[in-house]
């Protein structure tokens, strides 16, 4: 039987680990432009915000994933003015939808199919909203900036990671 002291210690550890994760995620997003310049590689191509969400889904509580989905694009805009505000809002909507849909689908399907489906459904939503934004507000913007083959590769890698880690966690319980 757990004592109040043990329960309190567990809650404190979870709070600290959540805070550390948020700091890491925000620092990662904040430093992406610097890393891109250092590596001479456009790191946005690996979808760093989606990567942070996948890691949050796997390693933290679902509420953390929702919070990151809202805050990462807005934080990036506030700190680096990139992406532009309208795109930041669209990305937040996309990421929120991805997280929500994943948790809905994972009740019925395996984790790989659930996350892969939610990634691509959220991309369809994003590109539909972006198309409208281009028509209304961003006429010089291109619809698809990241090549589709890279999006397929990152989606498969992220889905495999989530599936593998969650399967491993399930098997060790």
Protein backbone atom coordinates (compact mmCIF):
# COMPACT_ATOMS: atom_id res chain seq x y z
CA UNK A 1 0.00 0.00 0.00
CA UNK A 2 1.32 3.40 -0.97
CA UNK A 3 1.64 6.05 1.69
CA UNK A 4 0.75 9.69 1.20
CA UNK A 5 4.46 10.45 1.13
CA UNK A 6 5.03 7.98 -1.71
CA UNK A 7 2.09 9.32 -3.72
CA UNK A 8 3.33 12.89 -3.23
CA UNK A 9 6.83 11.90 -4.33
CA UNK A 10 5.44 10.23 -7.47
CA UNK A 11 3.36 13.32 -8.32
CA UNK A 12 6.37 15.59 -7.82
CA UNK A 13 8.53 13.40 -10.06
CA UNK A 14 5.86 13.37 -12.77
CA UNK A 15 5.54 17.15 -12.56
CA UNK A 16 9.30 17.62 -12.78
CA UNK A 17 9.60 15.23 -15.73
CA UNK A 18 6.74 17.02 -17.50
CA UNK A 19 8.39 20.41 -16.91
CA UNK A 20 11.72 19.11 -18.20
CA UNK A 21 10.00 17.72 -21.29
CA UNK A 22 8.32 21.10 -21.99
CA UNK A 23 11.61 22.95 -21.62
CA UNK A 24 13.31 20.44 -23.94
CA UNK A 25 10.52 20.67 -26.53
CA UNK A 26 10.44 24.45 -26.53
CA UNK A 27 14.25 24.71 -26.63
CA UNK A 28 14.35 22.23 -29.49
CA UNK A 29 11.81 24.21 -31.51
CA UNK A 30 13.52 27.50 -30.62
CA UNK A 31 16.93 26.21 -31.68
CA UNK A 32 15.83 24.55 -34.94
CA UNK A 33 16.86 27.58 -37.05
CA UNK A 34 20.30 27.67 -35.40
CA UNK A 35 20.76 23.92 -35.87
CA UNK A 36 19.67 24.27 -39.50
CA UNK A 37 22.35 26.88 -40.13
CA UNK A 38 25.02 24.86 -38.32
CA UNK A 39 24.19 21.67 -40.20
CA UNK A 40 23.43 23.37 -43.52
CA UNK A 41 20.29 21.25 -43.62
CA UNK A 42 16.70 22.58 -43.39
CA UNK A 43 15.53 20.72 -40.28
CA UNK A 44 11.94 21.79 -40.81
CA UNK A 45 11.85 18.99 -43.39
CA UNK A 46 11.79 16.43 -40.56
CA UNK A 47 8.70 18.09 -39.07
CA UNK A 48 10.17 18.92 -35.64
CA UNK A 49 6.83 19.97 -34.10
CA UNK A 50 5.20 16.70 -35.11
CA UNK A 51 8.27 14.86 -33.80
CA UNK A 52 7.86 16.56 -30.39
CA UNK A 53 4.18 15.57 -30.36
CA UNK A 54 4.97 11.95 -31.16
CA UNK A 55 7.52 11.92 -28.33
CA UNK A 56 4.95 13.54 -26.02
CA UNK A 57 2.30 10.96 -26.93
CA UNK A 58 4.74 8.13 -26.26
CA UNK A 59 6.45 9.41 -23.13
CA UNK A 60 4.03 11.77 -21.34
CA UNK A 61 0.34 12.22 -20.66
CA UNK A 62 -2.14 13.00 -23.44
CA UNK A 63 -2.80 16.47 -21.99
CA UNK A 64 0.85 17.34 -22.58
CA UNK A 65 0.47 16.43 -26.24
CA UNK A 66 -2.58 18.68 -26.54
CA UNK A 67 -0.77 21.54 -24.80
CA UNK A 68 2.27 21.18 -27.05
CA UNK A 69 0.08 21.03 -30.17
CA UNK A 70 -1.31 24.44 -29.29
CA UNK A 71 1.83 26.08 -27.96
CA UNK A 72 4.71 24.91 -30.16
CA UNK A 73 3.66 26.74 -33.35
CA UNK A 74 2.67 29.86 -31.41
CA UNK A 75 5.92 29.76 -29.42
CA UNK A 76 7.88 29.44 -32.65
CA UNK A 77 6.06 32.44 -34.08
CA UNK A 78 6.54 34.49 -30.90
CA UNK A 79 10.26 33.74 -30.70
CA UNK A 80 11.35 33.55 -34.33
CA UNK A 81 8.39 35.03 -36.26
CA UNK A 82 8.36 31.78 -38.21
CA UNK A 83 6.06 30.49 -39.46
CA UNK A 84 3.89 33.55 -40.08
CA UNK A 85 1.02 33.95 -37.64
CA UNK A 86 -1.69 32.57 -39.92
CA UNK A 87 0.39 29.47 -40.66
CA UNK A 88 1.13 29.09 -36.94
CA UNK A 89 -2.60 28.95 -36.26
CA UNK A 90 -3.11 26.45 -39.09
CA UNK A 91 -0.29 24.26 -37.76
CA UNK A 92 -1.78 24.37 -34.26
CA UNK A 93 -5.14 23.25 -35.67
CA UNK A 94 -3.43 20.50 -37.65
CA UNK A 95 -1.45 19.23 -34.67
CA UNK A 96 -4.42 19.38 -32.30
CA UNK A 97 -6.49 17.41 -34.78
CA UNK A 98 -3.71 14.85 -35.17
CA UNK A 99 -3.47 14.29 -31.40
CA UNK A 100 -7.24 14.15 -30.95
CA UNK A 101 -7.73 11.77 -33.88
CA UNK A 102 -4.90 9.51 -32.73
CA UNK A 103 -6.48 9.05 -29.31
CA UNK A 104 -9.88 8.39 -30.91
CA UNK A 105 -8.56 5.86 -33.43
CA UNK A 106 -6.27 4.09 -30.96
CA UNK A 107 -9.35 2.82 -29.14
CA UNK A 108 -10.20 0.71 -32.18
CA UNK A 109 -7.05 0.19 -34.22
CA UNK A 110 -3.44 -0.66 -33.45
CA UNK A 111 -1.12 2.25 -32.65
CA UNK A 112 0.72 2.18 -35.98
CA UNK A 113 -2.44 2.49 -38.08
CA UNK A 114 -3.93 5.01 -35.66
CA UNK A 115 -0.98 7.42 -35.70
CA UNK A 116 -0.29 7.04 -39.42
CA UNK A 117 -3.97 7.70 -40.20
CA UNK A 118 -4.11 10.66 -37.85
CA UNK A 119 -0.93 12.17 -39.33
CA UNK A 120 -2.28 12.00 -42.87
CA UNK A 121 -5.82 13.07 -41.99
CA UNK A 122 -4.34 16.09 -40.20
CA UNK A 123 -2.17 16.85 -43.25
CA UNK A 124 -5.26 16.80 -45.47
CA UNK A 125 -6.97 19.20 -43.06
CA UNK A 126 -3.88 21.45 -42.97
CA UNK A 127 -3.48 21.59 -46.75
CA UNK A 128 -7.18 22.31 -47.18
CA UNK A 129 -7.00 25.16 -44.68
CA UNK A 130 -3.73 26.39 -46.16
CA UNK A 131 -5.28 26.45 -49.62
CA UNK A 132 -8.05 28.69 -48.28
CA UNK A 133 -5.47 30.88 -46.54
CA UNK A 134 -3.52 31.22 -49.79
CA UNK A 135 -6.68 32.31 -51.58
CA UNK A 136 -7.60 34.78 -48.85
CA UNK A 137 -4.44 35.98 -47.09
CA UNK A 138 -1.18 34.47 -48.37
CA UNK A 139 -1.15 34.71 -52.18
CA UNK A 140 2.64 34.33 -52.45
CA UNK A 141 2.75 31.17 -50.31
CA UNK A 142 3.21 27.76 -51.92
CA UNK A 143 0.76 25.04 -50.97
CA UNK A 144 3.29 22.23 -50.38
CA UNK A 145 6.70 23.34 -49.14
CA UNK A 146 8.02 19.96 -47.94
CA UNK A 147 8.27 17.31 -50.67
CA UNK A 148 5.60 14.63 -50.30
CA UNK A 149 8.12 11.78 -50.36
CA UNK A 150 9.81 13.27 -47.27
CA UNK A 151 6.42 13.58 -45.58
CA UNK A 152 5.75 9.91 -46.30
CA UNK A 153 9.14 8.91 -44.88
CA UNK A 154 8.77 10.98 -41.69
CA UNK A 155 5.21 9.71 -41.20
CA UNK A 156 6.34 6.10 -41.46
CA UNK A 157 9.33 6.65 -39.15
CA UNK A 158 7.23 8.48 -36.54
CA UNK A 159 4.52 5.82 -36.73
CA UNK A 160 7.04 3.00 -36.39
CA UNK A 161 8.65 4.72 -33.39
CA UNK A 162 5.33 5.22 -31.63
CA UNK A 163 4.22 1.67 -32.39
CA UNK A 164 7.53 0.13 -31.33
CA UNK A 165 7.87 2.00 -28.05
CA UNK A 166 4.23 1.59 -27.03
CA UNK A 167 4.33 -2.12 -27.92
CA UNK A 168 7.49 -2.53 -25.85
CA UNK A 169 5.91 -0.69 -22.90
CA UNK A 170 2.81 -2.86 -23.17
CA UNK A 171 4.88 -6.07 -23.21
CA UNK A 172 6.93 -5.20 -20.11
CA UNK A 173 3.87 -4.50 -17.96
